[in-house]
Each structure stands twice: as C-alpha cells, then as structure tokens.
Amino acid sequence: MEQGYALEISRQGVEVAIMVMLPLLAVSLFIGLLVSVLQAVTSVQETTLTFVPKLIGVAVMLTFMGNWMLMQIISYTHVCFQRIAEVGR
C-alpha cells in the first residue's frame, strides 16, 4: 500500500469524524454559553446546572441528526472496505 493511499483514507476518516461530531459540539457549546450568561446575570454559580441542559440538547440533536450521522459513518466504512478489497487484488 502506498503512503498516499493510507494518508487519503486517514484524511477522509478525520473529515468524517469532524463532520459527524460538529453539530453535537456546536449545540453543547451554544447551550453552555447561554447557561453561563444566565449564571452571570443571576449570580447563581452552580457547576452542575450546565450539565442537564447540555445533555438534553445533545439528545435532541442525536434524535434529529442521528440518522444522517450514521449514514455518514456507514458510507465511510463502505469506502474503507472497498479500498481494502482493491489492495487484496
């Protein structure tokens, strides 16, 4: 296997991982920012207060985007298996 071939598969893997995780991370960041601003305004400094809204937000995103995320991972896996079969020839 050539080095370029392995690097291309690795690059695609990192790209898929970033693309799949970005919506969850963005929602978690946005909710964390909103809760932090709310805590600063109300002077309530409870550290566990940010956990539940982030958990709910991530669960909602997984509900709506989970199918798309799974399809991205499955298509990348198919590409990997196709390339493995090409190397075996």
PDB file of N, CA and C in Angstrom:
ATOM      1  N   MET A   1       0.845  -1.177   0.000  1.00  0.00           N
ATOM      2  CA  MET A   1       0.000   0.000   0.000  1.00  0.00           C
ATOM      3  C   MET A   1       0.892   1.243   0.000  1.00  0.00           C
ATOM      4  N   GLU A   2       0.571   2.156  -0.853  1.00  0.00           N
ATOM      5  CA  GLU A   2       1.341   3.390  -0.921  1.00  0.00           C
ATOM      6  C   GLU A   2       1.024   4.280   0.276  1.00  0.00           C
ATOM      7  N   GLN A   3       1.957   5.155   0.592  1.00  0.00           N
ATOM      8  CA  GLN A   3       1.735   6.078   1.704  1.00  0.00           C
ATOM      9  C   GLN A   3       0.608   7.054   1.398  1.00  0.00           C
ATOM     10  N   GLY A   4       0.524   7.500   0.157  1.00  0.00           N
ATOM     11  CA  GLY A   4      -0.536   8.431  -0.225  1.00  0.00           C
ATOM     12  C   GLY A   4      -1.912   7.830  -0.066  1.00  0.00           C
ATOM     13  N   TYR A   5      -2.009   6.548  -0.354  1.00  0.00           N
ATOM     14  CA  TYR A   5      -3.269   5.827  -0.230  1.00  0.00           C
ATOM     15  C   TYR A   5      -3.714   5.789   1.233  1.00  0.00           C
ATOM     16  N   ALA A   6      -2.778   5.466   2.129  1.00  0.00           N
ATOM     17  CA  ALA A   6      -3.080   5.414   3.558  1.00  0.00           C
ATOM     18  C   ALA A   6      -3.398   6.803   4.101  1.00  0.00           C
ATOM     19  N   LEU A   7      -2.676   7.798   3.637  1.00  0.00           N
ATOM     20  CA  LEU A   7      -2.937   9.163   4.083  1.00  0.00           C
ATOM     21  C   LEU A   7      -4.319   9.654   3.632  1.00  0.00           C
ATOM     22  N   GLU A   8      -4.721   9.276   2.436  1.00  0.00           N
ATOM     23  CA  GLU A   8      -6.038   9.675   1.932  1.00  0.00           C
ATOM     24  C   GLU A   8      -7.160   9.054   2.767  1.00  0.00           C
ATOM     25  N   ILE A   9      -7.016   7.779   3.106  1.00  0.00           N
ATOM     26  CA  ILE A   9      -8.013   7.118   3.955  1.00  0.00           C
ATOM     27  C   ILE A   9      -8.058   7.779   5.333  1.00  0.00           C
ATOM     28  N   SER A  10      -6.897   8.089   5.880  1.00  0.00           N
ATOM     29  CA  SER A  10      -6.843   8.749   7.190  1.00  0.00           C
ATOM     30  C   SER A  10      -7.459  10.135   7.150  1.00  0.00           C
ATOM     31  N   ARG A  11      -7.170  10.875   6.082  1.00  0.00           N
ATOM     32  CA  ARG A  11      -7.732  12.222   5.951  1.00  0.00           C
ATOM     33  C   ARG A  11      -9.244  12.160   5.874  1.00  0.00           C
ATOM     34  N   GLN A  12      -9.764  11.218   5.102  1.00  0.00           N
ATOM     35  CA  GLN A  12     -11.213  11.079   4.994  1.00  0.00           C
ATOM     36  C   GLN A  12     -11.827  10.677   6.336  1.00  0.00           C
ATOM     37  N   GLY A  13     -11.129   9.839   7.093  1.00  0.00           N
ATOM     38  CA  GLY A  13     -11.622   9.433   8.406  1.00  0.00           C
ATOM     39  C   GLY A  13     -11.725  10.604   9.368  1.00  0.00           C
ATOM     40  N   VAL A  14     -10.701  11.445   9.373  1.00  0.00           N
ATOM     41  CA  VAL A  14     -10.725  12.634  10.235  1.00  0.00           C
ATOM     42  C   VAL A  14     -11.828  13.589   9.777  1.00  0.00           C
ATOM     43  N   GLU A  15     -11.986  13.728   8.470  1.00  0.00           N
ATOM     44  CA  GLU A  15     -13.021  14.609   7.924  1.00  0.00           C
ATOM     45  C   GLU A  15     -14.421  14.137   8.326  1.00  0.00           C
ATOM     46  N   VAL A  16     -14.659  12.848   8.230  1.00  0.00           N
ATOM     47  CA  VAL A  16     -15.962  12.296   8.611  1.00  0.00           C
ATOM     48  C   VAL A  16     -16.186  12.464  10.114  1.00  0.00           C
ATOM     49  N   ALA A  17     -15.153  12.220  10.922  1.00  0.00           N
ATOM     50  CA  ALA A  17     -15.291  12.364  12.368  1.00  0.00           C
ATOM     51  C   ALA A  17     -15.636  13.801  12.752  1.00  0.00           C
ATOM     52  N   ILE A  18     -14.979  14.763  12.131  1.00  0.00           N
ATOM     53  CA  ILE A  18     -15.269  16.173  12.419  1.00  0.00           C
ATOM     54  C   ILE A  18     -16.673  16.532  11.960  1.00  0.00           C
ATOM     55  N   MET A  19     -17.042  16.064  10.774  1.00  0.00           N
ATOM     56  CA  MET A  19     -18.354  16.390  10.226  1.00  0.00           C
ATOM     57  C   MET A  19     -19.478  15.801  11.082  1.00  0.00           C
ATOM     58  N   VAL A  20     -19.260  14.615  11.635  1.00  0.00           N
ATOM     59  CA  VAL A  20     -20.288  13.959  12.437  1.00  0.00           C
ATOM     60  C   VAL A  20     -20.390  14.593  13.826  1.00  0.00           C
ATOM     61  N   MET A  21     -19.276  14.964  14.408  1.00  0.00           N
ATOM     62  CA  MET A  21     -19.292  15.488  15.769  1.00  0.00           C
ATOM     63  C   MET A  21     -19.569  16.983  15.864  1.00  0.00           C
ATOM     64  N   LEU A  22     -19.381  17.716  14.781  1.00  0.00           N
ATOM     65  CA  LEU A  22     -19.536  19.162  14.825  1.00  0.00           C
ATOM     66  C   LEU A  22     -20.924  19.625  15.271  1.00  0.00           C
ATOM     67  N   PRO A  23     -22.029  19.039  14.795  1.00  0.00           N
ATOM     68  CA  PRO A  23     -23.336  19.500  15.280  1.00  0.00           C
ATOM     69  C   PRO A  23     -23.525  19.315  16.787  1.00  0.00           C
ATOM     70  N   LEU A  24     -23.063  18.194  17.318  1.00  0.00           N
ATOM     71  CA  LEU A  24     -23.201  17.951  18.757  1.00  0.00           C
ATOM     72  C   LEU A  24     -22.347  18.922  19.567  1.00  0.00           C
ATOM     73  N   LEU A  25     -21.133  19.144  19.109  1.00  0.00           N
ATOM     74  CA  LEU A  25     -20.256  20.075  19.814  1.00  0.00           C
ATOM     75  C   LEU A  25     -20.768  21.505  19.742  1.00  0.00           C
ATOM     76  N   ALA A  26     -21.323  21.882  18.592  1.00  0.00           N
ATOM     77  CA  ALA A  26     -21.841  23.243  18.441  1.00  0.00           C
ATOM     78  C   ALA A  26     -23.030  23.482  19.364  1.00  0.00           C
ATOM     79  N   VAL A  27     -23.939  22.524  19.449  1.00  0.00           N
ATOM     80  CA  VAL A  27     -25.102  22.666  20.330  1.00  0.00           C
ATOM     81  C   VAL A  27     -24.654  22.716  21.787  1.00  0.00           C
ATOM     82  N   SER A  28     -23.719  21.861  22.154  1.00  0.00           N
ATOM     83  CA  SER A  28     -23.218  21.852  23.521  1.00  0.00           C
ATOM     84  C   SER A  28     -22.529  23.171  23.873  1.00  0.00           C
ATOM     85  N   LEU A  29     -21.761  23.699  22.948  1.00  0.00           N
ATOM     86  CA  LEU A  29     -21.094  24.977  23.166  1.00  0.00           C
ATOM     87  C   LEU A  29     -22.103  26.112  23.300  1.00  0.00           C
ATOM     88  N   PHE A  30     -23.092  26.144  22.421  1.00  0.00           N
ATOM     89  CA  PHE A  30     -24.093  27.203  22.449  1.00  0.00           C
ATOM     90  C   PHE A  30     -24.908  27.157  23.742  1.00  0.00           C
ATOM     91  N   ILE A  31     -25.331  25.978  24.153  1.00  0.00           N
ATOM     92  CA  ILE A  31     -26.107  25.856  25.390  1.00  0.00           C
ATOM     93  C   ILE A  31     -25.247  26.222  26.597  1.00  0.00           C
ATOM     94  N   GLY A  32     -23.990  25.788  26.596  1.00  0.00           N
ATOM     95  CA  GLY A  32     -23.083  26.150  27.684  1.00  0.00           C
ATOM     96  C   GLY A  32     -22.878  27.648  27.787  1.00  0.00           C
ATOM     97  N   LEU A  33     -22.779  28.306  26.632  1.00  0.00           N
ATOM     98  CA  LEU A  33     -22.621  29.763  26.625  1.00  0.00           C
ATOM     99  C   LEU A  33     -23.865  30.451  27.176  1.00  0.00           C
ATOM    100  N   LEU A  34     -25.047  29.984  26.753  1.00  0.00           N
ATOM    101  CA  LEU A  34     -26.290  30.570  27.259  1.00  0.00           C
ATOM    102  C   LEU A  34     -26.441  30.384  28.765  1.00  0.00           C
ATOM    103  N   VAL A  35     -26.139  29.209  29.260  1.00  0.00           N
ATOM    104  CA  VAL A  35     -26.256  28.944  30.698  1.00  0.00           C
ATOM    105  C   VAL A  35     -25.230  29.770  31.466  1.00  0.00           C
ATOM    106  N   SER A  36     -24.033  29.928  30.920  1.00  0.00           N
ATOM    107  CA  SER A  36     -23.012  30.747  31.593  1.00  0.00           C
ATOM    108  C   SER A  36     -23.436  32.205  31.689  1.00  0.00           C
ATOM    109  N   VAL A  37     -24.020  32.717  30.609  1.00  0.00           N
ATOM    110  CA  VAL A  37     -24.514  34.100  30.645  1.00  0.00           C
ATOM    111  C   VAL A  37     -25.645  34.223  31.661  1.00  0.00           C
ATOM    112  N   LEU A  38     -26.545  33.251  31.685  1.00  0.00           N
ATOM    113  CA  LEU A  38     -27.645  33.256  32.653  1.00  0.00           C
ATOM    114  C   LEU A  38     -27.113  33.184  34.082  1.00  0.00           C
ATOM    115  N   GLN A  39     -26.089  32.378  34.311  1.00  0.00           N
ATOM    116  CA  GLN A  39     -25.497  32.295  35.644  1.00  0.00           C
ATOM    117  C   GLN A  39     -24.817  33.600  36.037  1.00  0.00           C
ATOM    118  N   ALA A  40     -24.190  34.256  35.098  1.00  0.00           N
ATOM    119  CA  ALA A  40     -23.522  35.522  35.397  1.00  0.00           C
ATOM    120  C   ALA A  40     -24.537  36.610  35.715  1.00  0.00           C
ATOM    121  N   VAL A  41     -25.657  36.600  35.006  1.00  0.00           N
ATOM    122  CA  VAL A  41     -26.689  37.614  35.233  1.00  0.00           C
ATOM    123  C   VAL A  41     -27.377  37.404  36.571  1.00  0.00           C
ATOM    124  N   THR A  42     -27.651  36.158  36.914  1.00  0.00           N
ATOM    125  CA  THR A  42     -28.388  35.873  38.141  1.00  0.00           C
ATOM    126  C   THR A  42     -27.496  35.607  39.342  1.00  0.00           C
ATOM    127  N   SER A  43     -26.202  35.586  39.157  1.00  0.00           N
ATOM    128  CA  SER A  43     -25.218  35.313  40.210  1.00  0.00           C
ATOM    129  C   SER A  43     -25.399  33.939  40.851  1.00  0.00           C
ATOM    130  N   VAL A  44     -25.960  32.999  40.112  1.00  0.00           N
ATOM    131  CA  VAL A  44     -26.083  31.620  40.579  1.00  0.00           C
ATOM    132  C   VAL A  44     -24.891  30.854  39.993  1.00  0.00           C
ATOM    133  N   GLN A  45     -24.012  30.395  40.849  1.00  0.00           N
ATOM    134  CA  GLN A  45     -22.808  29.723  40.383  1.00  0.00           C
ATOM    135  C   GLN A  45     -22.833  28.243  40.745  1.00  0.00           C
ATOM    136  N   GLU A  46     -23.798  27.545  40.223  1.00  0.00           N
ATOM    137  CA  GLU A  46     -23.912  26.103  40.429  1.00  0.00           C
ATOM    138  C   GLU A  46     -23.241  25.386  39.259  1.00  0.00           C
ATOM    139  N   THR A  47     -22.256  24.559  39.549  1.00  0.00           N
ATOM    140  CA  THR A  47     -21.492  23.919  38.480  1.00  0.00           C
ATOM    141  C   THR A  47     -22.276  22.819  37.773  1.00  0.00           C
ATOM    142  N   THR A  48     -23.216  22.202  38.466  1.00  0.00           N
ATOM    143  CA  THR A  48     -23.981  21.123  37.847  1.00  0.00           C
ATOM    144  C   THR A  48     -25.131  21.632  36.999  1.00  0.00           C
ATOM    145  N   LEU A  49     -25.393  22.908  37.021  1.00  0.00           N
ATOM    146  CA  LEU A  49     -26.519  23.479  36.283  1.00  0.00           C
ATOM    147  C   LEU A  49     -26.325  23.375  34.770  1.00  0.00           C
ATOM    148  N   THR A  50     -25.103  23.369  34.304  1.00  0.00           N
ATOM    149  CA  THR A  50     -24.868  23.315  32.857  1.00  0.00           C
ATOM    150  C   THR A  50     -24.995  21.902  32.290  1.00  0.00           C
ATOM    151  N   PHE A  51     -24.898  20.892  33.147  1.00  0.00           N
ATOM    152  CA  PHE A  51     -24.875  19.520  32.659  1.00  0.00           C
ATOM    153  C   PHE A  51     -26.201  19.078  32.047  1.00  0.00           C
ATOM    154  N   VAL A  52     -27.300  19.307  32.725  1.00  0.00           N
ATOM    155  CA  VAL A  52     -28.602  18.819  32.258  1.00  0.00           C
ATOM    156  C   VAL A  52     -29.040  19.491  30.953  1.00  0.00           C
ATOM    157  N   PRO A  53     -28.957  20.817  30.809  1.00  0.00           N
ATOM    158  CA  PRO A  53     -29.339  21.407  29.516  1.00  0.00           C
ATOM    159  C   PRO A  53     -28.475  20.927  28.354  1.00  0.00           C
ATOM    160  N   LYS A  54     -27.172  20.747  28.592  1.00  0.00           N
ATOM    161  CA  LYS A  54     -26.304  20.227  27.529  1.00  0.00           C
ATOM    162  C   LYS A  54     -26.703  18.805  27.166  1.00  0.00           C
ATOM    163  N   LEU A  55     -27.005  17.997  28.163  1.00  0.00           N
ATOM    164  CA  LEU A  55     -27.408  16.619  27.917  1.00  0.00           C
ATOM    165  C   LEU A  55     -28.699  16.559  27.112  1.00  0.00           C
ATOM    166  N   ILE A  56     -29.650  17.400  27.448  1.00  0.00           N
ATOM    167  CA  ILE A  56     -30.916  17.454  26.712  1.00  0.00           C
ATOM    168  C   ILE A  56     -30.681  17.944  25.287  1.00  0.00           C
ATOM    169  N   GLY A  57     -29.863  18.968  25.125  1.00  0.00           N
ATOM    170  CA  GLY A  57     -29.572  19.496  23.789  1.00  0.00           C
ATOM    171  C   GLY A  57     -28.891  18.471  22.895  1.00  0.00           C
ATOM    172  N   VAL A  58     -27.930  17.744  23.448  1.00  0.00           N
ATOM    173  CA  VAL A  58     -27.238  16.720  22.664  1.00  0.00           C
ATOM    174  C   VAL A  58     -28.198  15.585  22.321  1.00  0.00           C
ATOM    175  N   ALA A  59     -29.076  15.215  23.254  1.00  0.00           N
ATOM    176  CA  ALA A  59     -30.054  14.156  22.975  1.00  0.00           C
ATOM    177  C   ALA A  59     -31.018  14.573  21.871  1.00  0.00           C
ATOM    178  N   VAL A  60     -31.438  15.832  21.874  1.00  0.00           N
ATOM    179  CA  VAL A  60     -32.330  16.324  20.815  1.00  0.00           C
ATOM    180  C   VAL A  60     -31.603  16.311  19.468  1.00  0.00           C
ATOM    181  N   MET A  61     -30.346  16.740  19.457  1.00  0.00           N
ATOM    182  CA  MET A  61     -29.584  16.720  18.205  1.00  0.00           C
ATOM    183  C   MET A  61     -29.377  15.299  17.695  1.00  0.00           C
ATOM    184  N   LEU A  62     -29.123  14.369  18.598  1.00  0.00           N
ATOM    185  CA  LEU A  62     -28.973  12.978  18.176  1.00  0.00           C
ATOM    186  C   LEU A  62     -30.278  12.433  17.609  1.00  0.00           C
ATOM    187  N   THR A  63     -31.401  12.874  18.175  1.00  0.00           N
ATOM    188  CA  THR A  63     -32.696  12.432  17.676  1.00  0.00           C
ATOM    189  C   THR A  63     -32.922  12.916  16.251  1.00  0.00           C
ATOM    190  N   PHE A  64     -32.596  14.176  15.993  1.00  0.00           N
ATOM    191  CA  PHE A  64     -32.859  14.744  14.682  1.00  0.00           C
ATOM    192  C   PHE A  64     -31.772  14.418  13.658  1.00  0.00           C
ATOM    193  N   MET A  65     -30.519  14.338  14.079  1.00  0.00           N
ATOM    194  CA  MET A  65     -29.430  14.167  13.128  1.00  0.00           C
ATOM    195  C   MET A  65     -28.748  12.809  13.223  1.00  0.00           C
ATOM    196  N   GLY A  66     -29.232  11.940  14.096  1.00  0.00           N
ATOM    197  CA  GLY A  66     -28.598  10.642  14.280  1.00  0.00           C
ATOM    198  C   GLY A  66     -28.578   9.802  13.021  1.00  0.00           C
ATOM    199  N   ASN A  67     -29.661   9.847  12.250  1.00  0.00           N
ATOM    200  CA  ASN A  67     -29.730   9.077  11.010  1.00  0.00           C
ATOM    201  C   ASN A  67     -28.671   9.557  10.022  1.00  0.00           C
ATOM    202  N   TRP A  68     -28.548  10.861   9.879  1.00  0.00           N
ATOM    203  CA  TRP A  68     -27.547  11.420   8.963  1.00  0.00           C
ATOM    204  C   TRP A  68     -26.130  11.048   9.426  1.00  0.00           C
ATOM    205  N   MET A  69     -25.888  11.144  10.729  1.00  0.00           N
ATOM    206  CA  MET A  69     -24.566  10.805  11.261  1.00  0.00           C
ATOM    207  C   MET A  69     -24.235   9.341  10.989  1.00  0.00           C
ATOM    208  N   LEU A  70     -25.199   8.479  11.235  1.00  0.00           N
ATOM    209  CA  LEU A  70     -24.979   7.058  10.996  1.00  0.00           C
ATOM    210  C   LEU A  70     -24.728   6.777   9.524  1.00  0.00           C
ATOM    211  N   MET A  71     -25.455   7.440   8.637  1.00  0.00           N
ATOM    212  CA  MET A  71     -25.257   7.231   7.203  1.00  0.00           C
ATOM    213  C   MET A  71     -23.865   7.691   6.760  1.00  0.00           C
ATOM    214  N   GLN A  72     -23.356   8.776   7.333  1.00  0.00           N
ATOM    215  CA  GLN A  72     -22.006   9.239   7.011  1.00  0.00           C
ATOM    216  C   GLN A  72     -20.957   8.211   7.432  1.00  0.00           C
ATOM    217  N   ILE A  73     -21.126   7.670   8.622  1.00  0.00           N
ATOM    218  CA  ILE A  73     -20.178   6.680   9.127  1.00  0.00           C
ATOM    219  C   ILE A  73     -20.245   5.397   8.303  1.00  0.00           C
ATOM    220  N   ILE A  74     -21.461   4.985   7.946  1.00  0.00           N
ATOM    221  CA  ILE A  74     -21.620   3.769   7.145  1.00  0.00           C
ATOM    222  C   ILE A  74     -21.008   3.946   5.758  1.00  0.00           C
ATOM    223  N   SER A  75     -21.217   5.102   5.137  1.00  0.00           N
ATOM    224  CA  SER A  75     -20.645   5.306   3.798  1.00  0.00           C
ATOM    225  C   SER A  75     -19.118   5.329   3.856  1.00  0.00           C
ATOM    226  N   TYR A  76     -18.543   5.897   4.896  1.00  0.00           N
ATOM    227  CA  TYR A  76     -17.084   5.880   5.043  1.00  0.00           C
ATOM    228  C   TYR A  76     -16.588   4.454   5.250  1.00  0.00           C
ATOM    229  N   THR A  77     -17.327   3.664   6.022  1.00  0.00           N
ATOM    230  CA  THR A  77     -16.942   2.274   6.248  1.00  0.00           C
ATOM    231  C   THR A  77     -16.978   1.485   4.944  1.00  0.00           C
ATOM    232  N   HIS A  78     -17.992   1.733   4.103  1.00  0.00           N
ATOM    233  CA  HIS A  78     -18.066   1.075   2.798  1.00  0.00           C
ATOM    234  C   HIS A  78     -16.862   1.442   1.931  1.00  0.00           C
ATOM    235  N   VAL A  79     -16.487   2.704   1.962  1.00  0.00           N
ATOM    236  CA  VAL A  79     -15.316   3.140   1.185  1.00  0.00           C
ATOM    237  C   VAL A  79     -14.056   2.434   1.682  1.00  0.00           C
ATOM    238  N   CYS A  80     -13.920   2.321   2.994  1.00  0.00           N
ATOM    239  CA  CYS A  80     -12.750   1.629   3.554  1.00  0.00           C
ATOM    240  C   CYS A  80     -12.707   0.172   3.121  1.00  0.00           C
ATOM    241  N   PHE A  81     -13.856  -0.513   3.186  1.00  0.00           N
ATOM    242  CA  PHE A  81     -13.883  -1.917   2.776  1.00  0.00           C
ATOM    243  C   PHE A  81     -13.629  -2.082   1.272  1.00  0.00           C
ATOM    244  N   GLN A  82     -14.119  -1.147   0.473  1.00  0.00           N
ATOM    245  CA  GLN A  82     -13.836  -1.212  -0.969  1.00  0.00           C
ATOM    246  C   GLN A  82     -12.338  -1.053  -1.233  1.00  0.00           C
ATOM    247  N   ARG A  83     -11.713  -0.151  -0.517  1.00  0.00           N
ATOM    248  CA  ARG A  83     -10.267   0.049  -0.710  1.00  0.00           C
ATOM    249  C   ARG A  83      -9.465  -1.131  -0.202  1.00  0.00           C
ATOM    250  N   ILE A  84      -9.939  -1.771   0.859  1.00  0.00           N
ATOM    251  CA  ILE A  84      -9.257  -2.983   1.342  1.00  0.00           C
ATOM    252  C   ILE A  84      -9.337  -4.074   0.293  1.00  0.00           C
ATOM    253  N   ALA A  85     -10.509  -4.202  -0.353  1.00  0.00           N
ATOM    254  CA  ALA A  85     -10.661  -5.212  -1.396  1.00  0.00           C
ATOM    255  C   ALA A  85      -9.770  -4.907  -2.591  1.00  0.00           C
ATOM    256  N   GLU A  86      -9.567  -3.622  -2.910  1.00  0.00           N
ATOM    257  CA  GLU A  86      -8.702  -3.260  -4.024  1.00  0.00           C
ATOM    258  C   GLU A  86      -7.250  -3.597  -3.726  1.00  0.00           C
ATOM    259  N   VAL A  87      -6.832  -3.466  -2.490  1.00  0.00           N
ATOM    260  CA  VAL A  87      -5.453  -3.768  -2.116  1.00  0.00           C
ATOM    261  C   VAL A  87      -5.215  -5.267  -2.212  1.00  0.00           C
ATOM    262  N   GLY A  88      -6.235  -6.075  -1.894  1.00  0.00           N
ATOM    263  CA  GLY A  88      -6.089  -7.517  -1.926  1.00  0.00           C
ATOM    264  C   GLY A  88      -5.974  -8.115  -3.314  1.00  0.00           C
ATOM    265  N   ARG A  89      -6.251  -7.349  -4.335  1.00  0.00           N
ATOM    266  CA  ARG A  89      -6.200  -7.882  -5.712  1.00  0.00           C
ATOM    267  C   ARG A  89      -4.804  -8.030  -6.212  1.00  0.00           C
TER     268      ARG A  89
END
